[in-house]
Protein backbone atom coordinates (compact mmCIF):
# COMPACT_ATOMS: atom_id res chain seq x y z
CA MET A 1 -17.92 -170.02 -48.07
CA LEU A 2 -19.62 -173.08 -49.60
CA GLU A 3 -17.43 -175.28 -51.97
CA LEU A 4 -18.81 -176.49 -55.12
CA ILE A 5 -19.51 -180.02 -53.76
CA ASP A 6 -21.50 -178.53 -50.89
CA ILE A 7 -23.60 -176.66 -53.43
CA ALA A 8 -24.07 -179.64 -55.57
CA ASN A 9 -24.97 -181.81 -52.50
CA GLY A 10 -27.25 -179.26 -50.90
CA VAL A 11 -29.14 -178.47 -54.27
CA LEU A 12 -29.56 -181.88 -55.65
CA SER A 13 -30.76 -183.16 -52.09
CA LEU A 14 -33.40 -180.37 -51.99
CA MET A 15 -34.62 -181.14 -55.53
CA PHE A 16 -34.97 -184.95 -54.37
CA VAL A 17 -36.73 -183.85 -51.27
CA ILE A 18 -39.12 -181.60 -53.16
CA THR A 19 -39.71 -184.24 -56.08
CA SER A 20 -40.41 -186.97 -53.36
CA ILE A 21 -42.89 -184.76 -51.09
CA PHE A 22 -44.79 -183.49 -54.42
CA LEU A 23 -45.05 -187.26 -55.86
CA GLY A 24 -46.04 -188.60 -52.37
CA ILE A 25 -48.72 -185.98 -52.33
CA MET A 26 -49.90 -186.68 -55.90
CA MET A 27 -49.86 -190.47 -55.06
CA ILE A 28 -52.13 -189.40 -51.97
CA ILE A 29 -54.58 -187.24 -54.00
CA LYS A 30 -54.94 -190.45 -56.32
CA TYR A 31 -56.01 -192.19 -53.43
CA PHE A 32 -59.06 -190.47 -53.38
CA GLU A 33 -59.77 -191.00 -56.94
CA ALA A 34 -59.01 -194.84 -56.89
CA LYS A 35 -59.85 -195.54 -53.29
CA ASN A 36 -56.63 -197.68 -53.38
CA LYS A 37 -55.24 -197.77 -49.77
CA ASN A 38 -51.89 -199.27 -51.28
CA VAL A 39 -51.53 -196.21 -53.35
CA LEU A 40 -52.16 -194.07 -50.31
CA LEU A 41 -49.64 -195.77 -48.09
CA ALA A 42 -46.85 -195.63 -50.78
CA GLY A 43 -47.33 -192.03 -51.08
CA ILE A 44 -46.54 -191.56 -47.41
CA ALA A 45 -43.93 -194.15 -47.24
CA TRP A 46 -41.79 -192.71 -50.06
CA MET A 47 -42.07 -189.13 -48.55
CA PHE A 48 -40.73 -190.54 -45.30
CA ILE A 49 -38.15 -192.62 -47.00
CA SER A 50 -36.68 -189.34 -48.36
CA GLU A 51 -36.16 -188.36 -44.85
CA VAL A 52 -32.47 -188.70 -44.89
CA TRP A 53 -32.23 -185.99 -47.57
CA TRP A 54 -34.43 -183.60 -45.59
CA ALA A 55 -31.72 -182.69 -42.75
CA VAL A 56 -29.04 -181.95 -45.76
CA SER A 57 -31.53 -179.93 -47.32
CA ILE A 58 -32.56 -177.70 -44.29
CA SER A 59 -28.81 -177.68 -43.15
CA PHE A 60 -27.93 -176.35 -46.52
CA LEU A 61 -30.70 -173.65 -46.79
CA LEU A 62 -29.63 -172.67 -43.02
CA VAL A 63 -26.16 -172.33 -44.20
CA VAL A 64 -27.01 -170.15 -47.19
CA PHE A 65 -29.31 -167.96 -45.21
CA THR A 66 -27.73 -167.98 -41.77
CA GLY A 67 -24.21 -169.34 -42.23
CA ASN A 68 -25.00 -172.06 -39.48
CA ALA A 69 -25.71 -175.56 -40.25
CA LEU A 70 -28.02 -177.56 -38.10
CA ALA A 71 -26.70 -178.95 -35.02
CA LEU A 72 -25.74 -182.75 -35.10
CA ASP A 73 -28.37 -183.85 -32.97
CA LEU A 74 -31.16 -182.30 -34.86
CA PHE A 75 -29.52 -183.15 -37.97
CA PHE A 76 -29.88 -187.17 -36.85
CA PHE A 77 -33.30 -186.64 -35.68
CA ILE A 78 -34.76 -184.79 -38.75
CA GLY A 79 -33.02 -187.19 -40.94
CA PHE A 80 -33.57 -190.66 -39.37
CA VAL A 81 -36.21 -190.91 -36.71
CA PHE A 82 -39.11 -191.47 -39.12
CA LEU A 83 -37.28 -194.05 -41.15
CA PRO A 84 -38.41 -197.21 -39.12
CA VAL A 85 -41.98 -195.86 -39.77
CA ALA A 86 -41.43 -195.54 -43.37
CA ILE A 87 -40.51 -199.04 -43.70
CA MET A 88 -43.07 -200.50 -41.55
CA ILE A 89 -45.75 -198.91 -43.73
CA TRP A 90 -43.96 -200.19 -46.87
CA MET A 91 -44.03 -203.63 -45.21
CA ILE A 92 -47.68 -203.35 -44.72
CA ILE A 93 -48.02 -202.57 -48.66
CA MET A 94 -45.95 -205.56 -49.45
CA THR A 95 -47.92 -207.92 -47.17
CA ASN A 96 -51.19 -206.66 -48.49
CA LEU A 97 -49.84 -207.37 -51.97
CA MET A 98 -47.92 -210.56 -51.76
CA TRP A 99 -48.12 -212.28 -48.08
CA LYS A 100 -51.70 -211.63 -47.01
CA SER A 101 -52.02 -215.04 -45.19
CA LYS A 102 -48.58 -214.31 -43.43
CA GLN A 103 -49.00 -210.59 -43.03
CA LYS A 104 -49.45 -210.71 -39.10
CA ILE A 105 -46.11 -212.65 -38.35
CA ILE A 106 -44.25 -210.85 -41.10
CA LEU A 107 -45.45 -207.46 -39.57
CA ILE A 108 -44.45 -208.66 -35.95
CA LEU A 109 -41.40 -209.41 -36.93
CA THR A 110 -40.45 -206.51 -39.03
CA GLY A 111 -41.80 -204.44 -36.10
CA ILE A 112 -39.38 -206.04 -33.50
CA ILE A 113 -36.40 -205.41 -35.77
CA LEU A 114 -37.43 -202.03 -36.44
CA ALA A 115 -38.35 -201.04 -32.93
CA SER A 116 -34.94 -202.34 -31.70
CA LEU A 117 -33.16 -200.14 -34.37
CA GLU A 118 -35.19 -197.23 -33.24
CA ILE A 119 -34.49 -197.72 -29.67
CA ALA A 120 -30.76 -197.95 -30.17
CA PHE A 121 -30.75 -194.97 -32.43
CA LEU A 122 -32.46 -192.93 -29.74
CA TYR A 123 -30.28 -194.11 -27.15
CA TYR A 124 -27.37 -193.01 -28.73
CA LEU A 125 -28.91 -189.89 -29.90
CA PHE A 126 -29.56 -188.91 -26.49
CA THR A 127 -26.36 -190.30 -24.61
CA ASP A 128 -23.61 -190.52 -26.91
CA ILE A 129 -24.02 -188.99 -30.28
CA SER A 130 -20.51 -189.67 -31.58
CA LYS A 131 -21.82 -193.41 -31.90
CA LEU A 132 -23.88 -192.25 -34.73
CA GLY A 133 -21.66 -190.04 -36.69
CA GLU A 134 -19.58 -186.79 -36.87
CA PRO A 135 -19.89 -183.76 -38.86
CA VAL A 136 -17.74 -183.68 -42.27
CA GLY A 137 -17.42 -180.76 -44.33
CA THR A 138 -20.18 -177.94 -44.12
CA PHE A 139 -23.42 -179.76 -43.51
CA ASP A 140 -22.70 -183.47 -44.43
CA ILE A 141 -22.04 -186.47 -41.92
CA LYS A 142 -19.63 -189.35 -41.63
CA TYR A 143 -21.46 -192.32 -40.55
CA GLU A 144 -20.22 -194.72 -37.67
CA LEU A 145 -20.78 -198.59 -37.74
CA PHE A 146 -24.09 -198.53 -35.91
CA MET A 147 -25.49 -196.28 -38.55
CA LEU A 148 -24.07 -198.10 -41.23
CA VAL A 149 -25.79 -201.14 -40.10
CA TYR A 150 -29.03 -199.03 -39.58
CA LEU A 151 -29.13 -197.78 -43.17
CA SER A 152 -28.13 -201.17 -44.38
CA VAL A 153 -30.70 -202.84 -42.75
CA ILE A 154 -33.35 -200.24 -44.19
CA LEU A 155 -31.93 -200.59 -47.62
CA LEU A 156 -32.28 -204.49 -47.34
CA PHE A 157 -35.77 -204.15 -46.58
CA VAL A 158 -36.50 -202.03 -49.52
CA ILE A 159 -34.59 -204.00 -52.00
CA ILE A 160 -35.38 -207.41 -51.14
CA THR A 161 -39.10 -206.83 -51.00
CA GLY A 162 -39.08 -204.53 -53.67
CA LEU A 163 -37.16 -206.87 -56.07
CA ARG A 164 -39.66 -209.49 -55.04
CA PHE A 165 -42.80 -207.60 -55.85
CA ALA A 166 -41.41 -206.44 -59.04
CA ILE A 167 -40.33 -209.84 -60.31
CA GLU A 168 -43.73 -211.41 -59.29
CA SER A 169 -45.46 -208.68 -61.45
CA PHE A 170 -43.39 -209.80 -64.66
CA TRP A 171 -45.39 -212.99 -64.40
CA SER A 172 -48.61 -211.26 -64.68
CA GLU A 173 -50.81 -211.42 -68.08
CA ASN A 174 -51.76 -207.92 -67.57
CA PRO A 175 -49.20 -205.68 -69.57
CA GLU A 176 -50.02 -202.57 -67.26
CA ILE A 177 -48.90 -204.39 -64.41
CA ARG A 178 -45.68 -206.03 -65.92
CA LEU A 179 -44.93 -202.15 -66.98
CA LYS A 180 -45.42 -201.27 -63.36
CA GLY A 181 -43.30 -203.89 -62.20
CA LYS A 182 -40.40 -202.83 -64.68
CA PHE A 183 -40.49 -199.33 -63.06
CA LEU A 184 -40.52 -200.30 -59.69
CA LEU A 185 -37.69 -202.76 -60.35
CA VAL A 186 -35.69 -199.77 -61.84
CA ALA A 187 -36.90 -197.26 -58.95
CA PHE A 188 -35.57 -199.57 -56.14
CA LEU A 189 -32.31 -200.29 -57.91
CA SER A 190 -31.82 -196.53 -58.53
CA PHE A 191 -32.64 -195.81 -55.06
CA VAL A 192 -30.29 -198.19 -53.60
CA ILE A 193 -27.23 -197.73 -56.05
CA GLY A 194 -27.61 -194.14 -56.03
CA ALA A 195 -27.65 -194.15 -52.04
CA PHE A 196 -24.67 -196.43 -51.67
CA ILE A 197 -22.64 -194.38 -54.19
CA SER A 198 -23.51 -191.19 -52.44
CA ILE A 199 -22.59 -192.46 -49.03
CA ALA A 200 -19.63 -194.39 -50.18
CA LEU A 201 -17.98 -192.17 -53.06
CA GLY A 202 -19.58 -188.85 -52.35
CA ASP A 203 -16.57 -187.16 -51.71
CA ASN A 204 -15.86 -186.44 -55.51
CA VAL A 205 -18.32 -183.66 -56.98
CA ILE A 206 -18.87 -185.64 -60.42
CA ILE A 207 -19.73 -189.15 -58.77
CA LEU A 208 -21.87 -187.14 -56.02
CA VAL A 209 -23.97 -185.40 -58.78
CA ILE A 210 -24.41 -188.49 -60.78
CA ALA A 211 -25.35 -190.30 -57.39
CA LYS A 212 -28.03 -187.68 -56.71
CA ILE A 213 -29.33 -187.76 -60.19
CA ILE A 214 -29.95 -191.57 -59.81
CA ILE A 215 -31.80 -191.06 -56.81
CA ILE A 216 -33.76 -188.29 -58.04
CA SER A 217 -34.92 -190.71 -60.72
CA SER A 218 -36.03 -193.28 -58.41
CA ALA A 219 -38.94 -191.06 -57.29
CA PHE A 220 -40.55 -190.69 -60.74
CA GLU A 221 -39.81 -194.40 -61.31
CA PHE A 222 -41.54 -195.37 -58.15
CA TYR A 223 -44.53 -192.89 -58.95
CA CYS A 224 -44.94 -194.54 -62.21
CA GLY A 225 -44.73 -197.85 -60.71
CA PHE A 226 -47.60 -197.48 -58.60
CA ILE A 227 -49.73 -194.81 -60.60
CA LEU A 228 -48.44 -195.24 -64.28
CA PRO A 229 -49.94 -192.22 -65.74
CA ASP A 230 -51.55 -192.46 -69.02
CA SER A 231 -48.72 -190.47 -70.82
CA ILE A 232 -46.38 -193.22 -69.66
CA LYS A 233 -48.57 -196.05 -70.83
CA LYS A 234 -48.90 -194.41 -74.37
CA VAL A 235 -45.27 -194.46 -74.75
CA PHE A 236 -44.49 -197.96 -73.42
CA LEU A 237 -47.72 -199.83 -74.16
CA LYS A 238 -48.14 -199.28 -77.96
């Protein structure tokens, strides 16, 4: 029997995954209209960044329909194996927009860091999965030190580059670019704060719901930061 906190965690995680995939696809479609490669890459990156919640969502659905959660190795594989790919794509976007002259060296260094994390992750996954984490509750995970470091590095890449990009956009003379920067700033803060609260304090159902709502909002904010729909412009750029 699922407890209230399990239902809240599962439903809200599923909502975030569906929202992220939908908005990611919308961004990919926008690429074919605007031919902006960075929009295409941003859509792909965001869908992969939401990967952590894929495993929770799938495990929740399995419990609902079969009574059995994902095996621990499948949970980690589905939830984390593509995260370094997402960050690499994100860094390509950032270097396209801000550090084009230093793009090669930045991407090489980023690739080394992410490849090291991925190799270590896969090593533990196939040799000693207890180094990654252990099941908690019906379909959630308590992360061990390596995974906390792994996730911290991922979040640092997102927050540092995202904040830098958002802040630089504030100096633009174009009001649309400044508005995009504000949405991206809120998106990155929402994602990181929501993820941190969910991991650190997610054993309380009220706090968990608040954290998940914050994370879901980050998907819409990210979309607005890259696409800026006309309806949003009409509200904020009068």
